Amino acid sequence: MIHLNTNFLVDRVIVGSPGGLKISAWLKAGKSVATSAVAWSEFCNGPLSKAQKDAAFAVLDRQITDFTWRAAAIVSAAPLATFNAENFQRLVPFGLRLEG
């Protein structure tokens, strides 16, 4: 399983986008994707149509991880896919894995 940051969720609903193509490749390879409740909330509050939100929800297969005092991707041991890896580097020593 690979956790998606908000920017990957947005890219998923843009036809032909780099992130959307990457997610499609992961799914084709048999990997599953998920996101945290925080990223899902950010995504849902963006300027997207209901159809775009429904499409993203379907890809996630309802894999939205609760956000608790522990970081969702660290607890689930899933790598985090983000276009802002530098923002998350400080969490790597605590167990966060970043998807390249």
PDB file of N, CA and C in Angstrom:
ATOM      1  N   MET A   1       0.838  -1.179   0.000  1.00  0.00           N
ATOM      2  CA  MET A   1       0.000   0.000   0.000  1.00  0.00           C
ATOM      3  C   MET A   1       0.884   1.245   0.000  1.00  0.00           C
ATOM      4  N   ILE A   2       0.450   2.244  -0.764  1.00  0.00           N
ATOM      5  CA  ILE A   2       1.157   3.522  -0.816  1.00  0.00           C
ATOM      6  C   ILE A   2       0.192   4.611  -0.384  1.00  0.00           C
ATOM      7  N   HIS A   3       0.615   5.420   0.582  1.00  0.00           N
ATOM      8  CA  HIS A   3      -0.214   6.543   1.031  1.00  0.00           C
ATOM      9  C   HIS A   3      -0.003   7.732   0.103  1.00  0.00           C
ATOM     10  N   LEU A   4      -1.099   8.383  -0.269  1.00  0.00           N
ATOM     11  CA  LEU A   4      -1.048   9.528  -1.170  1.00  0.00           C
ATOM     12  C   LEU A   4      -1.225  10.825  -0.405  1.00  0.00           C
ATOM     13  N   ASN A   5      -0.381  11.782  -0.712  1.00  0.00           N
ATOM     14  CA  ASN A   5      -0.532  13.125  -0.189  1.00  0.00           C
ATOM     15  C   ASN A   5      -1.603  13.828  -1.025  1.00  0.00           C
ATOM     16  N   THR A   6      -2.080  14.962  -0.573  1.00  0.00           N
ATOM     17  CA  THR A   6      -3.138  15.689  -1.273  1.00  0.00           C
ATOM     18  C   THR A   6      -2.770  15.988  -2.720  1.00  0.00           C
ATOM     19  N   ASN A   7      -1.519  16.360  -2.964  1.00  0.00           N
ATOM     20  CA  ASN A   7      -1.144  16.704  -4.332  1.00  0.00           C
ATOM     21  C   ASN A   7      -1.260  15.509  -5.276  1.00  0.00           C
ATOM     22  N   PHE A   8      -1.018  14.301  -4.789  1.00  0.00           N
ATOM     23  CA  PHE A   8      -1.212  13.116  -5.621  1.00  0.00           C
ATOM     24  C   PHE A   8      -2.697  12.862  -5.860  1.00  0.00           C
ATOM     25  N   LEU A   9      -3.543  13.118  -4.863  1.00  0.00           N
ATOM     26  CA  LEU A   9      -4.987  12.963  -5.057  1.00  0.00           C
ATOM     27  C   LEU A   9      -5.494  13.915  -6.130  1.00  0.00           C
ATOM     28  N   VAL A  10      -5.018  15.149  -6.091  1.00  0.00           N
ATOM     29  CA  VAL A  10      -5.425  16.136  -7.096  1.00  0.00           C
ATOM     30  C   VAL A  10      -4.958  15.685  -8.480  1.00  0.00           C
ATOM     31  N   ASP A  11      -3.719  15.233  -8.564  1.00  0.00           N
ATOM     32  CA  ASP A  11      -3.209  14.781  -9.861  1.00  0.00           C
ATOM     33  C   ASP A  11      -4.004  13.588 -10.396  1.00  0.00           C
ATOM     34  N   ARG A  12      -4.533  12.770  -9.515  1.00  0.00           N
ATOM     35  CA  ARG A  12      -5.293  11.587  -9.944  1.00  0.00           C
ATOM     36  C   ARG A  12      -6.498  11.974 -10.798  1.00  0.00           C
ATOM     37  N   VAL A  13      -7.096  13.100 -10.535  1.00  0.00           N
ATOM     38  CA  VAL A  13      -8.312  13.484 -11.262  1.00  0.00           C
ATOM     39  C   VAL A  13      -8.020  14.383 -12.462  1.00  0.00           C
ATOM     40  N   ILE A  14      -6.734  14.613 -12.752  1.00  0.00           N
ATOM     41  CA  ILE A  14      -6.348  15.391 -13.929  1.00  0.00           C
ATOM     42  C   ILE A  14      -5.842  14.406 -14.986  1.00  0.00           C
ATOM     43  N   VAL A  15      -6.567  14.280 -16.079  1.00  0.00           N
ATOM     44  CA  VAL A  15      -6.244  13.316 -17.123  1.00  0.00           C
ATOM     45  C   VAL A  15      -4.830  13.553 -17.661  1.00  0.00           C
ATOM     46  N   GLY A  16      -4.026  12.489 -17.661  1.00  0.00           N
ATOM     47  CA  GLY A  16      -2.684  12.554 -18.212  1.00  0.00           C
ATOM     48  C   GLY A  16      -1.632  13.172 -17.327  1.00  0.00           C
ATOM     49  N   SER A  17      -1.973  13.518 -16.089  1.00  0.00           N
ATOM     50  CA  SER A  17      -1.004  14.149 -15.187  1.00  0.00           C
ATOM     51  C   SER A  17       0.049  13.136 -14.730  1.00  0.00           C
ATOM     52  N   PRO A  18       1.254  13.612 -14.369  1.00  0.00           N
ATOM     53  CA  PRO A  18       2.315  12.698 -13.921  1.00  0.00           C
ATOM     54  C   PRO A  18       1.892  11.852 -12.710  1.00  0.00           C
ATOM     55  N   GLY A  19       1.276  12.482 -11.733  1.00  0.00           N
ATOM     56  CA  GLY A  19       0.843  11.734 -10.549  1.00  0.00           C
ATOM     57  C   GLY A  19      -0.248  10.741 -10.881  1.00  0.00           C
ATOM     58  N   GLY A  20      -1.183  11.146 -11.722  1.00  0.00           N
ATOM     59  CA  GLY A  20      -2.260  10.244 -12.128  1.00  0.00           C
ATOM     60  C   GLY A  20      -1.717   9.019 -12.851  1.00  0.00           C
ATOM     61  N   LEU A  21      -0.741   9.238 -13.727  1.00  0.00           N
ATOM     62  CA  LEU A  21      -0.120   8.127 -14.455  1.00  0.00           C
ATOM     63  C   LEU A  21       0.649   7.212 -13.501  1.00  0.00           C
ATOM     64  N   LYS A  22       1.322   7.823 -12.517  1.00  0.00           N
ATOM     65  CA  LYS A  22       2.073   7.033 -11.528  1.00  0.00           C
ATOM     66  C   LYS A  22       1.117   6.162 -10.707  1.00  0.00           C
ATOM     67  N   ILE A  23      -0.004   6.743 -10.273  1.00  0.00           N
ATOM     68  CA  ILE A  23      -0.987   5.979  -9.500  1.00  0.00           C
ATOM     69  C   ILE A  23      -1.532   4.835 -10.353  1.00  0.00           C
ATOM     70  N   SER A  24      -1.843   5.113 -11.608  1.00  0.00           N
ATOM     71  CA  SER A  24      -2.342   4.061 -12.510  1.00  0.00           C
ATOM     72  C   SER A  24      -1.329   2.926 -12.632  1.00  0.00           C
ATOM     73  N   ALA A  25      -0.046   3.275 -12.733  1.00  0.00           N
ATOM     74  CA  ALA A  25       1.005   2.255 -12.832  1.00  0.00           C
ATOM     75  C   ALA A  25       1.070   1.420 -11.556  1.00  0.00           C
ATOM     76  N   TRP A  26       0.977   2.072 -10.403  1.00  0.00           N
ATOM     77  CA  TRP A  26       0.990   1.328  -9.136  1.00  0.00           C
ATOM     78  C   TRP A  26      -0.186   0.367  -9.067  1.00  0.00           C
ATOM     79  N   LEU A  27      -1.376   0.851  -9.434  1.00  0.00           N
ATOM     80  CA  LEU A  27      -2.567   0.008  -9.386  1.00  0.00           C
ATOM     81  C   LEU A  27      -2.439  -1.166 -10.361  1.00  0.00           C
ATOM     82  N   LYS A  28      -1.907  -0.903 -11.544  1.00  0.00           N
ATOM     83  CA  LYS A  28      -1.692  -1.953 -12.538  1.00  0.00           C
ATOM     84  C   LYS A  28      -0.717  -3.005 -12.020  1.00  0.00           C
ATOM     85  N   ALA A  29       0.254  -2.567 -11.221  1.00  0.00           N
ATOM     86  CA  ALA A  29       1.253  -3.473 -10.646  1.00  0.00           C
ATOM     87  C   ALA A  29       0.718  -4.226  -9.432  1.00  0.00           C
ATOM     88  N   GLY A  30      -0.542  -3.989  -9.097  1.00  0.00           N
ATOM     89  CA  GLY A  30      -1.151  -4.704  -7.980  1.00  0.00           C
ATOM     90  C   GLY A  30      -1.012  -4.029  -6.632  1.00  0.00           C
ATOM     91  N   LYS A  31      -0.461  -2.830  -6.613  1.00  0.00           N
ATOM     92  CA  LYS A  31      -0.356  -2.101  -5.348  1.00  0.00           C
ATOM     93  C   LYS A  31      -1.684  -1.408  -5.060  1.00  0.00           C
ATOM     94  N   SER A  32      -1.938  -1.138  -3.810  1.00  0.00           N
ATOM     95  CA  SER A  32      -3.125  -0.378  -3.433  1.00  0.00           C
ATOM     96  C   SER A  32      -2.689   0.988  -2.917  1.00  0.00           C
ATOM     97  N   VAL A  33      -3.618   1.930  -2.921  1.00  0.00           N
ATOM     98  CA  VAL A  33      -3.319   3.277  -2.440  1.00  0.00           C
ATOM     99  C   VAL A  33      -4.298   3.650  -1.340  1.00  0.00           C
ATOM    100  N   ALA A  34      -3.830   4.527  -0.478  1.00  0.00           N
ATOM    101  CA  ALA A  34      -4.634   5.014   0.635  1.00  0.00           C
ATOM    102  C   ALA A  34      -4.249   6.466   0.863  1.00  0.00           C
ATOM    103  N   THR A  35      -4.909   7.102   1.807  1.00  0.00           N
ATOM    104  CA  THR A  35      -4.567   8.462   2.188  1.00  0.00           C
ATOM    105  C   THR A  35      -4.959   8.669   3.640  1.00  0.00           C
ATOM    106  N   SER A  36      -4.470   9.739   4.216  1.00  0.00           N
ATOM    107  CA  SER A  36      -4.851  10.059   5.595  1.00  0.00           C
ATOM    108  C   SER A  36      -6.120  10.899   5.579  1.00  0.00           C
ATOM    109  N   ALA A  37      -6.776  10.934   6.702  1.00  0.00           N
ATOM    110  CA  ALA A  37      -7.991  11.748   6.828  1.00  0.00           C
ATOM    111  C   ALA A  37      -7.686  13.226   6.573  1.00  0.00           C
ATOM    112  N   VAL A  38      -6.495  13.668   6.938  1.00  0.00           N
ATOM    113  CA  VAL A  38      -6.115  15.071   6.721  1.00  0.00           C
ATOM    114  C   VAL A  38      -5.994  15.353   5.225  1.00  0.00           C
ATOM    115  N   ALA A  39      -5.274  14.502   4.495  1.00  0.00           N
ATOM    116  CA  ALA A  39      -5.128  14.698   3.050  1.00  0.00           C
ATOM    117  C   ALA A  39      -6.476  14.605   2.354  1.00  0.00           C
ATOM    118  N   TRP A  40      -7.314  13.670   2.770  1.00  0.00           N
ATOM    119  CA  TRP A  40      -8.642  13.524   2.174  1.00  0.00           C
ATOM    120  C   TRP A  40      -9.484  14.783   2.404  1.00  0.00           C
ATOM    121  N   SER A  41      -9.405  15.342   3.588  1.00  0.00           N
ATOM    122  CA  SER A  41     -10.145  16.567   3.892  1.00  0.00           C
ATOM    123  C   SER A  41      -9.666  17.725   3.031  1.00  0.00           C
ATOM    124  N   GLU A  42      -8.341  17.866   2.897  1.00  0.00           N
ATOM    125  CA  GLU A  42      -7.796  18.921   2.042  1.00  0.00           C
ATOM    126  C   GLU A  42      -8.282  18.749   0.606  1.00  0.00           C
ATOM    127  N   PHE A  43      -8.243  17.521   0.120  1.00  0.00           N
ATOM    128  CA  PHE A  43      -8.676  17.225  -1.235  1.00  0.00           C
ATOM    129  C   PHE A  43     -10.155  17.569  -1.432  1.00  0.00           C
ATOM    130  N   CYS A  44     -10.996  17.132  -0.503  1.00  0.00           N
ATOM    131  CA  CYS A  44     -12.449  17.340  -0.631  1.00  0.00           C
ATOM    132  C   CYS A  44     -12.849  18.807  -0.523  1.00  0.00           C
ATOM    133  N   ASN A  45     -12.019  19.608   0.098  1.00  0.00           N
ATOM    134  CA  ASN A  45     -12.339  21.024   0.239  1.00  0.00           C
ATOM    135  C   ASN A  45     -11.765  21.875  -0.888  1.00  0.00           C
ATOM    136  N   GLY A  46     -11.169  21.227  -1.868  1.00  0.00           N
ATOM    137  CA  GLY A  46     -10.640  21.939  -3.029  1.00  0.00           C
ATOM    138  C   GLY A  46     -11.734  22.159  -4.066  1.00  0.00           C
ATOM    139  N   PRO A  47     -11.405  22.888  -5.124  1.00  0.00           N
ATOM    140  CA  PRO A  47     -12.386  23.212  -6.170  1.00  0.00           C
ATOM    141  C   PRO A  47     -12.568  22.061  -7.158  1.00  0.00           C
ATOM    142  N   LEU A  48     -13.153  20.957  -6.675  1.00  0.00           N
ATOM    143  CA  LEU A  48     -13.339  19.777  -7.504  1.00  0.00           C
ATOM    144  C   LEU A  48     -14.816  19.436  -7.623  1.00  0.00           C
ATOM    145  N   SER A  49     -15.163  18.757  -8.695  1.00  0.00           N
ATOM    146  CA  SER A  49     -16.550  18.333  -8.890  1.00  0.00           C
ATOM    147  C   SER A  49     -16.838  17.086  -8.053  1.00  0.00           C
ATOM    148  N   LYS A  50     -18.101  16.795  -7.880  1.00  0.00           N
ATOM    149  CA  LYS A  50     -18.494  15.585  -7.157  1.00  0.00           C
ATOM    150  C   LYS A  50     -17.961  14.356  -7.886  1.00  0.00           C
ATOM    151  N   ALA A  51     -17.993  14.376  -9.211  1.00  0.00           N
ATOM    152  CA  ALA A  51     -17.498  13.245  -9.994  1.00  0.00           C
ATOM    153  C   ALA A  51     -15.998  13.024  -9.752  1.00  0.00           C
ATOM    154  N   GLN A  52     -15.228  14.098  -9.645  1.00  0.00           N
ATOM    155  CA  GLN A  52     -13.795  13.970  -9.377  1.00  0.00           C
ATOM    156  C   GLN A  52     -13.555  13.394  -7.984  1.00  0.00           C
ATOM    157  N   LYS A  53     -14.316  13.863  -7.020  1.00  0.00           N
ATOM    158  CA  LYS A  53     -14.166  13.336  -5.655  1.00  0.00           C
ATOM    159  C   LYS A  53     -14.566  11.866  -5.595  1.00  0.00           C
ATOM    160  N   ASP A  54     -15.652  11.515  -6.283  1.00  0.00           N
ATOM    161  CA  ASP A  54     -16.101  10.122  -6.312  1.00  0.00           C
ATOM    162  C   ASP A  54     -15.056   9.223  -6.976  1.00  0.00           C
ATOM    163  N   ALA A  55     -14.415   9.713  -8.039  1.00  0.00           N
ATOM    164  CA  ALA A  55     -13.386   8.931  -8.739  1.00  0.00           C
ATOM    165  C   ALA A  55     -12.191   8.669  -7.828  1.00  0.00           C
ATOM    166  N   ALA A  56     -11.770   9.689  -7.101  1.00  0.00           N
ATOM    167  CA  ALA A  56     -10.643   9.529  -6.172  1.00  0.00           C
ATOM    168  C   ALA A  56     -11.012   8.563  -5.051  1.00  0.00           C
ATOM    169  N   PHE A  57     -12.223   8.669  -4.548  1.00  0.00           N
ATOM    170  CA  PHE A  57     -12.679   7.790  -3.467  1.00  0.00           C
ATOM    171  C   PHE A  57     -12.688   6.335  -3.936  1.00  0.00           C
ATOM    172  N   ALA A  58     -13.101   6.120  -5.183  1.00  0.00           N
ATOM    173  CA  ALA A  58     -13.143   4.762  -5.727  1.00  0.00           C
ATOM    174  C   ALA A  58     -11.740   4.167  -5.836  1.00  0.00           C
ATOM    175  N   VAL A  59     -10.770   4.963  -6.248  1.00  0.00           N
ATOM    176  CA  VAL A  59      -9.391   4.490  -6.367  1.00  0.00           C
ATOM    177  C   VAL A  59      -8.834   4.132  -4.992  1.00  0.00           C
ATOM    178  N   LEU A  60      -9.222   4.900  -3.992  1.00  0.00           N
ATOM    179  CA  LEU A  60      -8.740   4.643  -2.633  1.00  0.00           C
ATOM    180  C   LEU A  60      -9.369   3.400  -2.023  1.00  0.00           C
ATOM    181  N   ASP A  61     -10.472   2.936  -2.606  1.00  0.00           N
ATOM    182  CA  ASP A  61     -11.172   1.768  -2.075  1.00  0.00           C
ATOM    183  C   ASP A  61     -11.457   1.932  -0.578  1.00  0.00           C
ATOM    184  N   ARG A  62     -11.832   3.143  -0.211  1.00  0.00           N
ATOM    185  CA  ARG A  62     -12.189   3.496   1.172  1.00  0.00           C
ATOM    186  C   ARG A  62     -11.035   3.389   2.155  1.00  0.00           C
ATOM    187  N   GLN A  63      -9.809   3.405   1.663  1.00  0.00           N
ATOM    188  CA  GLN A  63      -8.623   3.316   2.514  1.00  0.00           C
ATOM    189  C   GLN A  63      -8.196   4.712   2.952  1.00  0.00           C
ATOM    190  N   ILE A  64      -8.940   5.265   3.912  1.00  0.00           N
ATOM    191  CA  ILE A  64      -8.629   6.581   4.469  1.00  0.00           C
ATOM    192  C   ILE A  64      -8.285   6.368   5.942  1.00  0.00           C
ATOM    193  N   THR A  65      -7.032   6.604   6.267  1.00  0.00           N
ATOM    194  CA  THR A  65      -6.511   6.310   7.594  1.00  0.00           C
ATOM    195  C   THR A  65      -6.831   7.434   8.572  1.00  0.00           C
ATOM    196  N   ASP A  66      -7.300   7.050   9.742  1.00  0.00           N
ATOM    197  CA  ASP A  66      -7.560   8.041  10.786  1.00  0.00           C
ATOM    198  C   ASP A  66      -6.290   8.816  11.091  1.00  0.00           C
ATOM    199  N   PHE A  67      -6.466  10.056  11.446  1.00  0.00           N
ATOM    200  CA  PHE A  67      -5.315  10.865  11.846  1.00  0.00           C
ATOM    201  C   PHE A  67      -5.354  10.994  13.357  1.00  0.00           C
ATOM    202  N   THR A  68      -4.375  10.400  13.987  1.00  0.00           N
ATOM    203  CA  THR A  68      -4.276  10.441  15.445  1.00  0.00           C
ATOM    204  C   THR A  68      -2.984  11.162  15.815  1.00  0.00           C
ATOM    205  N   TRP A  69      -2.540  10.992  17.027  1.00  0.00           N
ATOM    206  CA  TRP A  69      -1.310  11.645  17.441  1.00  0.00           C
ATOM    207  C   TRP A  69      -0.103  11.040  16.733  1.00  0.00           C
ATOM    208  N   ARG A  70      -0.262   9.854  16.154  1.00  0.00           N
ATOM    209  CA  ARG A  70       0.803   9.273  15.332  1.00  0.00           C
ATOM    210  C   ARG A  70       0.501   9.605  13.871  1.00  0.00           C
ATOM    211  N   ALA A  71       1.509   9.825  13.091  1.00  0.00           N
ATOM    212  CA  ALA A  71       1.303  10.125  11.670  1.00  0.00           C
ATOM    213  C   ALA A  71       0.770   8.880  10.965  1.00  0.00           C
ATOM    214  N   ALA A  72      -0.286   9.038  10.188  1.00  0.00           N
ATOM    215  CA  ALA A  72      -1.000   7.922   9.561  1.00  0.00           C
ATOM    216  C   ALA A  72      -0.082   7.034   8.723  1.00  0.00           C
ATOM    217  N   ALA A  73       0.750   7.577   7.856  1.00  0.00           N
ATOM    218  CA  ALA A  73       1.599   6.754   6.985  1.00  0.00           C
ATOM    219  C   ALA A  73       2.672   6.024   7.783  1.00  0.00           C
ATOM    220  N   ILE A  74       3.127   6.602   8.887  1.00  0.00           N
ATOM    221  CA  ILE A  74       4.150   5.941   9.697  1.00  0.00           C
ATOM    222  C   ILE A  74       3.552   4.726  10.396  1.00  0.00           C
ATOM    223  N   VAL A  75       2.394   4.879  10.991  1.00  0.00           N
ATOM    224  CA  VAL A  75       1.753   3.790  11.721  1.00  0.00           C
ATOM    225  C   VAL A  75       1.415   2.629  10.789  1.00  0.00           C
ATOM    226  N   SER A  76       0.960   2.923   9.593  1.00  0.00           N
ATOM    227  CA  SER A  76       0.573   1.859   8.665  1.00  0.00           C
ATOM    228  C   SER A  76       1.778   1.268   7.933  1.00  0.00           C
ATOM    229  N   ALA A  77       2.961   1.855   8.123  1.00  0.00           N
ATOM    230  CA  ALA A  77       4.200   1.411   7.474  1.00  0.00           C
ATOM    231  C   ALA A  77       4.120   1.518   5.960  1.00  0.00           C
ATOM    232  N   ALA A  78       3.251   2.364   5.450  1.00  0.00           N
ATOM    233  CA  ALA A  78       3.113   2.560   4.010  1.00  0.00           C
ATOM    234  C   ALA A  78       3.954   3.749   3.584  1.00  0.00           C
ATOM    235  N   PRO A  79       4.613   3.650   2.425  1.00  0.00           N
ATOM    236  CA  PRO A  79       5.365   4.813   1.946  1.00  0.00           C
ATOM    237  C   PRO A  79       4.413   5.937   1.544  1.00  0.00           C
ATOM    238  N   LEU A  80       4.851   7.160   1.697  1.00  0.00           N
ATOM    239  CA  LEU A  80       4.042   8.335   1.357  1.00  0.00           C
ATOM    240  C   LEU A  80       4.468   8.861  -0.007  1.00  0.00           C
ATOM    241  N   ALA A  81       3.519   8.980  -0.927  1.00  0.00           N
ATOM    242  CA  ALA A  81       3.776   9.561  -2.239  1.00  0.00           C
ATOM    243  C   ALA A  81       3.432  11.040  -2.174  1.00  0.00           C
ATOM    244  N   THR A  82       4.410  11.883  -2.434  1.00  0.00           N
ATOM    245  CA  THR A  82       4.205  13.324  -2.386  1.00  0.00           C
ATOM    246  C   THR A  82       5.137  14.008  -3.375  1.00  0.00           C
ATOM    247  N   PHE A  83       4.702  15.139  -3.890  1.00  0.00           N
ATOM    248  CA  PHE A  83       5.567  15.954  -4.732  1.00  0.00           C
ATOM    249  C   PHE A  83       6.378  16.917  -3.873  1.00  0.00           C
ATOM    250  N   ASN A  84       6.138  16.922  -2.569  1.00  0.00           N
ATOM    251  CA  ASN A  84       6.820  17.815  -1.631  1.00  0.00           C
ATOM    252  C   ASN A  84       7.663  17.013  -0.642  1.00  0.00           C
ATOM    253  N   ALA A  85       8.482  16.116  -1.142  1.00  0.00           N
ATOM    254  CA  ALA A  85       9.256  15.235  -0.267  1.00  0.00           C
ATOM    255  C   ALA A  85      10.108  16.001   0.732  1.00  0.00           C
ATOM    256  N   GLU A  86      10.624  17.159   0.315  1.00  0.00           N
ATOM    257  CA  GLU A  86      11.475  17.934   1.232  1.00  0.00           C
ATOM    258  C   GLU A  86      10.724  18.362   2.489  1.00  0.00           C
ATOM    259  N   ASN A  87       9.411  18.525   2.391  1.00  0.00           N
ATOM    260  CA  ASN A  87       8.618  18.908   3.560  1.00  0.00           C
ATOM    261  C   ASN A  87       8.491  17.771   4.575  1.00  0.00           C
ATOM    262  N   PHE A  88       8.729  16.542   4.128  1.00  0.00           N
ATOM    263  CA  PHE A  88       8.528  15.388   4.988  1.00  0.00           C
ATOM    264  C   PHE A  88       9.832  14.720   5.416  1.00  0.00           C
ATOM    265  N   GLN A  89      10.966  15.188   4.925  1.00  0.00           N
ATOM    266  CA  GLN A  89      12.263  14.585   5.243  1.00  0.00           C
ATOM    267  C   GLN A  89      12.516  14.498   6.744  1.00  0.00           C
ATOM    268  N   ARG A  90      12.054  15.482   7.486  1.00  0.00           N
ATOM    269  CA  ARG A  90      12.326  15.479   8.938  1.00  0.00           C
ATOM    270  C   ARG A  90      11.606  14.346   9.665  1.00  0.00           C
ATOM    271  N   LEU A  91      10.628  13.699   9.008  1.00  0.00           N
ATOM    272  CA  LEU A  91       9.903  12.594   9.627  1.00  0.00           C
ATOM    273  C   LEU A  91      10.499  11.228   9.293  1.00  0.00           C
ATOM    274  N   VAL A  92      11.436  11.188   8.355  1.00  0.00           N
ATOM    275  CA  VAL A  92      12.076   9.929   7.965  1.00  0.00           C
ATOM    276  C   VAL A  92      12.752   9.241   9.155  1.00  0.00           C
ATOM    277  N   PRO A  93      13.484   9.963  10.026  1.00  0.00           N
ATOM    278  CA  PRO A  93      14.105   9.292  11.175  1.00  0.00           C
ATOM    279  C   PRO A  93      13.094   8.638  12.131  1.00  0.00           C
ATOM    280  N   PHE A  94      11.820   9.031  12.037  1.00  0.00           N
ATOM    281  CA  PHE A  94      10.798   8.470  12.911  1.00  0.00           C
ATOM    282  C   PHE A  94      10.040   7.314  12.256  1.00  0.00           C
ATOM    283  N   GLY A  95      10.478   6.945  11.047  1.00  0.00           N
ATOM    284  CA  GLY A  95       9.885   5.782  10.390  1.00  0.00           C
ATOM    285  C   GLY A  95       9.116   6.073   9.111  1.00  0.00           C
ATOM    286  N   LEU A  96       8.983   7.314   8.733  1.00  0.00           N
ATOM    287  CA  LEU A  96       8.279   7.613   7.488  1.00  0.00           C
ATOM    288  C   LEU A  96       9.122   7.195   6.300  1.00  0.00           C
ATOM    289  N   ARG A  97       8.501   6.483   5.376  1.00  0.00           N
ATOM    290  CA  ARG A  97       9.143   6.117   4.114  1.00  0.00           C
ATOM    291  C   ARG A  97       8.512   6.943   3.020  1.00  0.00           C
ATOM    292  N   LEU A  98       9.334   7.500   2.159  1.00  0.00           N
ATOM    293  CA  LEU A  98       8.838   8.325   1.049  1.00  0.00           C
ATOM    294  C   LEU A  98       8.910   7.537  -0.242  1.00  0.00           C
ATOM    295  N   GLU A  99       7.861   7.609  -1.038  1.00  0.00           N
ATOM    296  CA  GLU A  99       7.829   6.966  -2.351  1.00  0.00           C
ATOM    297  C   GLU A  99       8.397   7.923  -3.364  1.00  0.00           C
ATOM    298  N   GLY A 100       9.418   7.495  -4.097  1.00  0.00           N
ATOM    299  CA  GLY A 100      10.125   8.358  -5.014  1.00  0.00           C
ATOM    300  C   GLY A 100       9.388   8.737  -6.265  1.00  0.00           C
TER     301      GLY A 100
END
